[in-house]
PDB file of N, CA and C in Angstrom:
ATOM      1  N   MET A   1      53.413  18.191   3.219  1.00  0.00           N
ATOM      2  CA  MET A   1      52.175  18.411   2.521  1.00  0.00           C
ATOM      3  C   MET A   1      52.313  19.688   1.699  1.00  0.00           C
ATOM      4  N   THR A   2      51.850  19.632   0.495  1.00  0.00           N
ATOM      5  CA  THR A   2      51.869  20.800  -0.379  1.00  0.00           C
ATOM      6  C   THR A   2      50.723  21.730  -0.013  1.00  0.00           C
ATOM      7  N   THR A   3      50.998  23.013  -0.032  1.00  0.00           N
ATOM      8  CA  THR A   3      49.975  24.012   0.270  1.00  0.00           C
ATOM      9  C   THR A   3      49.775  24.904  -0.938  1.00  0.00           C
ATOM     10  N   LEU A   4      48.515  25.103  -1.305  1.00  0.00           N
ATOM     11  CA  LEU A   4      48.157  26.011  -2.389  1.00  0.00           C
ATOM     12  C   LEU A   4      47.291  27.116  -1.806  1.00  0.00           C
ATOM     13  N   ARG A   5      47.448  28.316  -2.348  1.00  0.00           N
ATOM     14  CA  ARG A   5      46.582  29.420  -1.933  1.00  0.00           C
ATOM     15  C   ARG A   5      45.239  29.268  -2.638  1.00  0.00           C
ATOM     16  N   ALA A   6      44.148  29.537  -1.921  1.00  0.00           N
ATOM     17  CA  ALA A   6      42.803  29.374  -2.481  1.00  0.00           C
ATOM     18  C   ALA A   6      42.646  30.160  -3.776  1.00  0.00           C
ATOM     19  N   GLU A   7      43.237  31.349  -3.825  1.00  0.00           N
ATOM     20  CA  GLU A   7      43.084  32.172  -5.039  1.00  0.00           C
ATOM     21  C   GLU A   7      43.862  31.624  -6.230  1.00  0.00           C
ATOM     22  N   ASP A   8      44.773  30.654  -5.985  1.00  0.00           N
ATOM     23  CA  ASP A   8      45.539  30.054  -7.079  1.00  0.00           C
ATOM     24  C   ASP A   8      44.891  28.787  -7.629  1.00  0.00           C
ATOM     25  N   VAL A   9      43.802  28.354  -7.023  1.00  0.00           N
ATOM     26  CA  VAL A   9      43.122  27.134  -7.443  1.00  0.00           C
ATOM     27  C   VAL A   9      41.826  27.511  -8.141  1.00  0.00           C
ATOM     28  N   CYS A  10      41.586  26.921  -9.288  1.00  0.00           N
ATOM     29  CA  CYS A  10      40.382  27.248 -10.068  1.00  0.00           C
ATOM     30  C   CYS A  10      39.201  26.412  -9.573  1.00  0.00           C
ATOM     31  N   ILE A  11      38.568  26.897  -8.509  1.00  0.00           N
ATOM     32  CA  ILE A  11      37.401  26.241  -7.933  1.00  0.00           C
ATOM     33  C   ILE A  11      36.325  27.308  -7.795  1.00  0.00           C
ATOM     34  N   PRO A  12      35.119  27.011  -8.220  1.00  0.00           N
ATOM     35  CA  PRO A  12      34.049  27.995  -8.030  1.00  0.00           C
ATOM     36  C   PRO A  12      33.950  28.375  -6.548  1.00  0.00           C
ATOM     37  N   GLU A  13      33.787  29.663  -6.283  1.00  0.00           N
ATOM     38  CA  GLU A  13      33.771  30.146  -4.901  1.00  0.00           C
ATOM     39  C   GLU A  13      32.690  29.472  -4.067  1.00  0.00           C
ATOM     40  N   SER A  14      31.548  29.190  -4.665  1.00  0.00           N
ATOM     41  CA  SER A  14      30.461  28.546  -3.915  1.00  0.00           C
ATOM     42  C   SER A  14      30.859  27.134  -3.479  1.00  0.00           C
ATOM     43  N   VAL A  15      31.604  26.421  -4.328  1.00  0.00           N
ATOM     44  CA  VAL A  15      32.074  25.071  -3.981  1.00  0.00           C
ATOM     45  C   VAL A  15      33.121  25.166  -2.884  1.00  0.00           C
ATOM     46  N   LEU A  16      34.054  26.093  -3.014  1.00  0.00           N
ATOM     47  CA  LEU A  16      35.090  26.277  -1.997  1.00  0.00           C
ATOM     48  C   LEU A  16      34.461  26.622  -0.648  1.00  0.00           C
ATOM     49  N   THR A  17      33.457  27.485  -0.661  1.00  0.00           N
ATOM     50  CA  THR A  17      32.769  27.856   0.580  1.00  0.00           C
ATOM     51  C   THR A  17      32.108  26.638   1.207  1.00  0.00           C
ATOM     52  N   SER A  18      31.475  25.797   0.398  1.00  0.00           N
ATOM     53  CA  SER A  18      30.844  24.578   0.919  1.00  0.00           C
ATOM     54  C   SER A  18      31.868  23.644   1.540  1.00  0.00           C
ATOM     55  N   ILE A  19      33.037  23.546   0.929  1.00  0.00           N
ATOM     56  CA  ILE A  19      34.105  22.708   1.483  1.00  0.00           C
ATOM     57  C   ILE A  19      34.566  23.299   2.811  1.00  0.00           C
ATOM     58  N   LEU A  20      34.842  24.602   2.821  1.00  0.00           N
ATOM     59  CA  LEU A  20      35.343  25.265   4.020  1.00  0.00           C
ATOM     60  C   LEU A  20      34.369  25.158   5.186  1.00  0.00           C
ATOM     61  N   GLU A  21      33.093  25.202   4.901  1.00  0.00           N
ATOM     62  CA  GLU A  21      32.083  25.122   5.952  1.00  0.00           C
ATOM     63  C   GLU A  21      31.801  23.678   6.365  1.00  0.00           C
ATOM     64  N   GLY A  22      32.500  22.738   5.734  1.00  0.00           N
ATOM     65  CA  GLY A  22      32.308  21.339   6.083  1.00  0.00           C
ATOM     66  C   GLY A  22      31.017  20.745   5.562  1.00  0.00           C
ATOM     67  N   LYS A  23      30.383  21.421   4.605  1.00  0.00           N
ATOM     68  CA  LYS A  23      29.110  20.951   4.065  1.00  0.00           C
ATOM     69  C   LYS A  23      29.295  19.962   2.916  1.00  0.00           C
ATOM     70  N   GLU A  24      30.475  19.982   2.314  1.00  0.00           N
ATOM     71  CA  GLU A  24      30.661  19.201   1.091  1.00  0.00           C
ATOM     72  C   GLU A  24      32.094  18.704   0.995  1.00  0.00           C
ATOM     73  N   ARG A  25      32.242  17.512   0.451  1.00  0.00           N
ATOM     74  CA  ARG A  25      33.547  16.960   0.070  1.00  0.00           C
ATOM     75  C   ARG A  25      33.520  16.851  -1.452  1.00  0.00           C
ATOM     76  N   VAL A  26      34.622  17.175  -2.078  1.00  0.00           N
ATOM     77  CA  VAL A  26      34.644  17.233  -3.541  1.00  0.00           C
ATOM     78  C   VAL A  26      35.656  16.236  -4.093  1.00  0.00           C
ATOM     79  N   TRP A  27      35.195  15.389  -5.006  1.00  0.00           N
ATOM     80  CA  TRP A  27      36.085  14.485  -5.729  1.00  0.00           C
ATOM     81  C   TRP A  27      36.709  15.255  -6.887  1.00  0.00           C
ATOM     82  N   VAL A  28      37.977  14.988  -7.154  1.00  0.00           N
ATOM     83  CA  VAL A  28      38.653  15.515  -8.342  1.00  0.00           C
ATOM     84  C   VAL A  28      38.842  14.320  -9.260  1.00  0.00           C
ATOM     85  N   GLU A  29      38.352  14.456 -10.475  1.00  0.00           N
ATOM     86  CA  GLU A  29      38.420  13.338 -11.414  1.00  0.00           C
ATOM     87  C   GLU A  29      39.359  13.637 -12.573  1.00  0.00           C
ATOM     88  N   GLN A  30      39.907  12.572 -13.111  1.00  0.00           N
ATOM     89  CA  GLN A  30      40.707  12.651 -14.335  1.00  0.00           C
ATOM     90  C   GLN A  30      40.290  11.476 -15.194  1.00  0.00           C
ATOM     91  N   ALA A  31      39.888  11.757 -16.403  1.00  0.00           N
ATOM     92  CA  ALA A  31      39.396  10.737 -17.322  1.00  0.00           C
ATOM     93  C   ALA A  31      38.255   9.939 -16.689  1.00  0.00           C
ATOM     94  N   GLY A  32      37.405  10.638 -15.922  1.00  0.00           N
ATOM     95  CA  GLY A  32      36.244  10.000 -15.329  1.00  0.00           C
ATOM     96  C   GLY A  32      36.516   9.173 -14.088  1.00  0.00           C
ATOM     97  N   LYS A  33      37.759   9.185 -13.595  1.00  0.00           N
ATOM     98  CA  LYS A  33      38.100   8.403 -12.411  1.00  0.00           C
ATOM     99  C   LYS A  33      38.552   9.329 -11.293  1.00  0.00           C
ATOM    100  N   PRO A  34      38.078   9.071 -10.051  1.00  0.00           N
ATOM    101  CA  PRO A  34      38.506   9.912  -8.934  1.00  0.00           C
ATOM    102  C   PRO A  34      39.995   9.745  -8.655  1.00  0.00           C
ATOM    103  N   ILE A  35      40.709  10.879  -8.527  1.00  0.00           N
ATOM    104  CA  ILE A  35      42.148  10.834  -8.256  1.00  0.00           C
ATOM    105  C   ILE A  35      42.527  11.584  -6.984  1.00  0.00           C
ATOM    106  N   ALA A  36      41.609  12.397  -6.470  1.00  0.00           N
ATOM    107  CA  ALA A  36      41.896  13.171  -5.266  1.00  0.00           C
ATOM    108  C   ALA A  36      40.567  13.648  -4.689  1.00  0.00           C
ATOM    109  N   ALA A  37      40.662  14.228  -3.495  1.00  0.00           N
ATOM    110  CA  ALA A  37      39.464  14.794  -2.870  1.00  0.00           C
ATOM    111  C   ALA A  37      39.842  16.079  -2.156  1.00  0.00           C
ATOM    112  N   MET A  38      38.895  16.968  -2.059  1.00  0.00           N
ATOM    113  CA  MET A  38      39.067  18.194  -1.281  1.00  0.00           C
ATOM    114  C   MET A  38      38.098  18.120  -0.116  1.00  0.00           C
ATOM    115  N   VAL A  39      38.642  18.314   1.090  1.00  0.00           N
ATOM    116  CA  VAL A  39      37.835  18.248   2.300  1.00  0.00           C
ATOM    117  C   VAL A  39      38.175  19.432   3.187  1.00  0.00           C
ATOM    118  N   SER A  40      37.319  19.682   4.160  1.00  0.00           N
ATOM    119  CA  SER A  40      37.581  20.760   5.102  1.00  0.00           C
ATOM    120  C   SER A  40      38.747  20.376   6.016  1.00  0.00           C
ATOM    121  N   ILE A  41      39.325  21.369   6.656  1.00  0.00           N
ATOM    122  CA  ILE A  41      40.408  21.119   7.610  1.00  0.00           C
ATOM    123  C   ILE A  41      39.908  20.204   8.727  1.00  0.00           C
ATOM    124  N   GLU A  42      38.675  20.407   9.176  1.00  0.00           N
ATOM    125  CA  GLU A  42      38.117  19.563  10.240  1.00  0.00           C
ATOM    126  C   GLU A  42      38.075  18.102   9.800  1.00  0.00           C
ATOM    127  N   ASP A  43      37.642  17.856   8.557  1.00  0.00           N
ATOM    128  CA  ASP A  43      37.625  16.482   8.039  1.00  0.00           C
ATOM    129  C   ASP A  43      39.043  15.917   7.946  1.00  0.00           C
ATOM    130  N   LEU A  44      39.977  16.732   7.489  1.00  0.00           N
ATOM    131  CA  LEU A  44      41.363  16.278   7.381  1.00  0.00           C
ATOM    132  C   LEU A  44      41.912  15.903   8.753  1.00  0.00           C
ATOM    133  N   LYS A  45      41.624  16.720   9.763  1.00  0.00           N
ATOM    134  CA  LYS A  45      42.088  16.420  11.123  1.00  0.00           C
ATOM    135  C   LYS A  45      41.499  15.109  11.619  1.00  0.00           C
ATOM    136  N   LEU A  46      40.217  14.861  11.320  1.00  0.00           N
ATOM    137  CA  LEU A  46      39.596  13.594  11.704  1.00  0.00           C
ATOM    138  C   LEU A  46      40.265  12.417  10.992  1.00  0.00           C
ATOM    139  N   LEU A  47      40.538  12.591   9.711  1.00  0.00           N
ATOM    140  CA  LEU A  47      41.226  11.524   8.964  1.00  0.00           C
ATOM    141  C   LEU A  47      42.607  11.251   9.547  1.00  0.00           C
ATOM    142  N   GLU A  48      43.326  12.299   9.922  1.00  0.00           N
ATOM    143  CA  GLU A  48      44.661  12.129  10.502  1.00  0.00           C
ATOM    144  C   GLU A  48      44.579  11.457  11.871  1.00  0.00           C
ATOM    145  N   LEU A  49      43.564  11.807  12.684  1.00  0.00           N
ATOM    146  CA  LEU A  49      43.376  11.135  13.973  1.00  0.00           C
ATOM    147  C   LEU A  49      43.087   9.652  13.767  1.00  0.00           C
ATOM    148  N   TYR A  50      42.256   9.344  12.791  1.00  0.00           N
ATOM    149  CA  TYR A  50      41.932   7.947  12.487  1.00  0.00           C
ATOM    150  C   TYR A  50      43.185   7.195  12.036  1.00  0.00           C
ATOM    151  N   GLU A  51      43.982   7.835  11.192  1.00  0.00           N
ATOM    152  CA  GLU A  51      45.231   7.222  10.736  1.00  0.00           C
ATOM    153  C   GLU A  51      46.169   6.969  11.926  1.00  0.00           C
ATOM    154  N   ASP A  52      46.273   7.932  12.837  1.00  0.00           N
ATOM    155  CA  ASP A  52      47.095   7.757  14.037  1.00  0.00           C
ATOM    156  C   ASP A  52      46.588   6.594  14.883  1.00  0.00           C
ATOM    157  N   LEU A  53      45.265   6.477  15.014  1.00  0.00           N
ATOM    158  CA  LEU A  53      44.681   5.374  15.778  1.00  0.00           C
ATOM    159  C   LEU A  53      45.031   4.035  15.145  1.00  0.00           C
ATOM    160  N   LEU A  54      44.894   3.940  13.830  1.00  0.00           N
ATOM    161  CA  LEU A  54      45.237   2.694  13.135  1.00  0.00           C
ATOM    162  C   LEU A  54      46.717   2.360  13.304  1.00  0.00           C
ATOM    163  N   ASP A  55      47.584   3.375  13.203  1.00  0.00           N
ATOM    164  CA  ASP A  55      49.019   3.157  13.392  1.00  0.00           C
ATOM    165  C   ASP A  55      49.306   2.651  14.801  1.00  0.00           C
ATOM    166  N   SER A  56      48.646   3.245  15.782  1.00  0.00           N
ATOM    167  CA  SER A  56      48.839   2.849  17.178  1.00  0.00           C
ATOM    168  C   SER A  56      48.384   1.408  17.398  1.00  0.00           C
ATOM    169  N   GLN A  57      47.235   1.060  16.842  1.00  0.00           N
ATOM    170  CA  GLN A  57      46.738  -0.312  16.973  1.00  0.00           C
ATOM    171  C   GLN A  57      47.685  -1.307  16.310  1.00  0.00           C
ATOM    172  N   GLU A  58      48.220  -0.948  15.156  1.00  0.00           N
ATOM    173  CA  GLU A  58      49.165  -1.833  14.461  1.00  0.00           C
ATOM    174  C   GLU A  58      50.441  -1.984  15.270  1.00  0.00           C
ATOM    175  N   ALA A  59      50.926  -0.899  15.866  1.00  0.00           N
ATOM    176  CA  ALA A  59      52.134  -0.967  16.690  1.00  0.00           C
ATOM    177  C   ALA A  59      51.899  -1.856  17.910  1.00  0.00           C
ATOM    178  N   GLU A  60      50.748  -1.716  18.553  1.00  0.00           N
ATOM    179  CA  GLU A  60      50.418  -2.561  19.701  1.00  0.00           C
ATOM    180  C   GLU A  60      50.343  -4.023  19.298  1.00  0.00           C
ATOM    181  N   ARG A  61      49.738  -4.303  18.138  1.00  0.00           N
ATOM    182  CA  ARG A  61      49.634  -5.677  17.643  1.00  0.00           C
ATOM    183  C   ARG A  61      51.017  -6.259  17.379  1.00  0.00           C
ATOM    184  N   ALA A  62      51.881  -5.461  16.745  1.00  0.00           N
ATOM    185  CA  ALA A  62      53.233  -5.932  16.428  1.00  0.00           C
ATOM    186  C   ALA A  62      54.036  -6.174  17.707  1.00  0.00           C
ATOM    187  N   LEU A  63      53.896  -5.294  18.697  1.00  0.00           N
ATOM    188  CA  LEU A  63      54.615  -5.469  19.958  1.00  0.00           C
ATOM    189  C   LEU A  63      54.140  -6.731  20.672  1.00  0.00           C
ATOM    190  N   LYS A  64      52.834  -6.935  20.697  1.00  0.00           N
ATOM    191  CA  LYS A  64      52.282  -8.137  21.342  1.00  0.00           C
ATOM    192  C   LYS A  64      52.790  -9.389  20.634  1.00  0.00           C
ATOM    193  N   GLU A  65      52.788  -9.370  19.306  1.00  0.00           N
ATOM    194  CA  GLU A  65      53.268 -10.510  18.521  1.00  0.00           C
ATOM    195  C   GLU A  65      54.736 -10.783  18.829  1.00  0.00           C
ATOM    196  N   PHE A  66      55.546  -9.731  18.921  1.00  0.00           N
ATOM    197  CA  PHE A  66      56.963  -9.891  19.236  1.00  0.00           C
ATOM    198  C   PHE A  66      57.145 -10.464  20.636  1.00  0.00           C
ATOM    199  N   GLU A  67      56.418  -9.900  21.599  1.00  0.00           N
ATOM    200  CA  GLU A  67      56.544 -10.376  22.978  1.00  0.00           C
ATOM    201  C   GLU A  67      56.143 -11.839  23.099  1.00  0.00           C
ATOM    202  N   GLU A  68      55.117 -12.244  22.363  1.00  0.00           N
ATOM    203  CA  GLU A  68      54.662 -13.633  22.409  1.00  0.00           C
ATOM    204  C   GLU A  68      55.612 -14.578  21.676  1.00  0.00           C
ATOM    205  N   SER A  69      56.429 -14.041  20.769  1.00  0.00           N
ATOM    206  CA  SER A  69      57.350 -14.894  20.002  1.00  0.00           C
ATOM    207  C   SER A  69      58.501 -15.406  20.858  1.00  0.00           C
ATOM    208  N   GLY A  70      58.819 -14.681  21.932  1.00  0.00           N
ATOM    209  CA  GLY A  70      59.932 -15.083  22.790  1.00  0.00           C
ATOM    210  C   GLY A  70      61.297 -14.762  22.214  1.00  0.00           C
ATOM    211  N   GLU A  71      61.343 -14.091  21.071  1.00  0.00           N
ATOM    212  CA  GLU A  71      62.629 -13.714  20.479  1.00  0.00           C
ATOM    213  C   GLU A  71      63.297 -12.641  21.331  1.00  0.00           C
ATOM    214  N   PRO A  72      64.623 -12.690  21.423  1.00  0.00           N
ATOM    215  CA  PRO A  72      65.303 -11.649  22.190  1.00  0.00           C
ATOM    216  C   PRO A  72      65.288 -10.321  21.430  1.00  0.00           C
ATOM    217  N   SER A  73      65.242  -9.239  22.174  1.00  0.00           N
ATOM    218  CA  SER A  73      65.287  -7.924  21.531  1.00  0.00           C
ATOM    219  C   SER A  73      66.730  -7.582  21.192  1.00  0.00           C
ATOM    220  N   ILE A  74      66.900  -6.675  20.246  1.00  0.00           N
ATOM    221  CA  ILE A  74      68.234  -6.233  19.844  1.00  0.00           C
ATOM    222  C   ILE A  74      68.428  -4.828  20.401  1.00  0.00           C
ATOM    223  N   PRO A  75      69.459  -4.629  21.214  1.00  0.00           N
ATOM    224  CA  PRO A  75      69.681  -3.291  21.780  1.00  0.00           C
ATOM    225  C   PRO A  75      69.904  -2.243  20.687  1.00  0.00           C
ATOM    226  N   TYR A  76      69.408  -1.047  20.946  1.00  0.00           N
ATOM    227  CA  TYR A  76      69.538   0.081  20.022  1.00  0.00           C
ATOM    228  C   TYR A  76      70.994   0.314  19.641  1.00  0.00           C
ATOM    229  N   GLU A  77      71.881   0.253  20.640  1.00  0.00           N
ATOM    230  CA  GLU A  77      73.304   0.494  20.391  1.00  0.00           C
ATOM    231  C   GLU A  77      73.877  -0.531  19.416  1.00  0.00           C
ATOM    232  N   ALA A  78      73.430  -1.770  19.491  1.00  0.00           N
ATOM    233  CA  ALA A  78      73.914  -2.818  18.581  1.00  0.00           C
ATOM    234  C   ALA A  78      73.474  -2.524  17.141  1.00  0.00           C
ATOM    235  N   ILE A  79      72.281  -2.038  16.988  1.00  0.00           N
ATOM    236  CA  ILE A  79      71.789  -1.703  15.639  1.00  0.00           C
ATOM    237  C   ILE A  79      72.587  -0.530  15.085  1.00  0.00           C
ATOM    238  N   ARG A  80      72.847   0.481  15.902  1.00  0.00           N
ATOM    239  CA  ARG A  80      73.649   1.625  15.451  1.00  0.00           C
ATOM    240  C   ARG A  80      75.043   1.172  15.013  1.00  0.00           C
ATOM    241  N   ARG A  81      75.658   0.275  15.799  1.00  0.00           N
ATOM    242  CA  ARG A  81      77.001  -0.241  15.438  1.00  0.00           C
ATOM    243  C   ARG A  81      76.927  -0.986  14.103  1.00  0.00           C
ATOM    244  N   GLU A  82      75.910  -1.840  13.974  1.00  0.00           N
ATOM    245  CA  GLU A  82      75.763  -2.650  12.752  1.00  0.00           C
ATOM    246  C   GLU A  82      75.592  -1.756  11.518  1.00  0.00           C
ATOM    247  N   LEU A  83      74.931  -0.644  11.691  1.00  0.00           N
ATOM    248  CA  LEU A  83      74.703   0.275  10.572  1.00  0.00           C
ATOM    249  C   LEU A  83      75.830   1.285  10.393  1.00  0.00           C
ATOM    250  N   GLY A  84      76.847   1.193  11.247  1.00  0.00           N
ATOM    251  CA  GLY A  84      77.978   2.112  11.150  1.00  0.00           C
ATOM    252  C   GLY A  84      77.643   3.526  11.579  1.00  0.00           C
ATOM    253  N   LEU A  85      76.726   3.669  12.518  1.00  0.00           N
ATOM    254  CA  LEU A  85      76.317   4.996  12.971  1.00  0.00           C
ATOM    255  C   LEU A  85      76.991   5.415  14.265  1.00  0.00           C
ATOM    256  N   GLU A  86      77.957   4.649  14.707  1.00  0.00           N
ATOM    257  CA  GLU A  86      78.695   5.020  15.936  1.00  0.00           C
ATOM    258  C   GLU A  86      80.121   5.350  15.603  1.00  0.00           C
TER     259      GLU A  86
END
């Protein structure tokens, strides 16, 4: 993730304060279309937790689907050999 110093970003201080306090989320637009958003660290952490939850649910779904397929698993060592990593 890229990090910028607050003093290097041209954002009105009152808007930055509202973001930092979690009072406001800010859309960044280009040619009238939203291209990014600025959110508080707390909001970002919540978004990352949600993303982790979705990833976990997808992994569980994929594992269940594989187990129900009855296909044999491929040992890790066999994959490493096939890829020339041994």
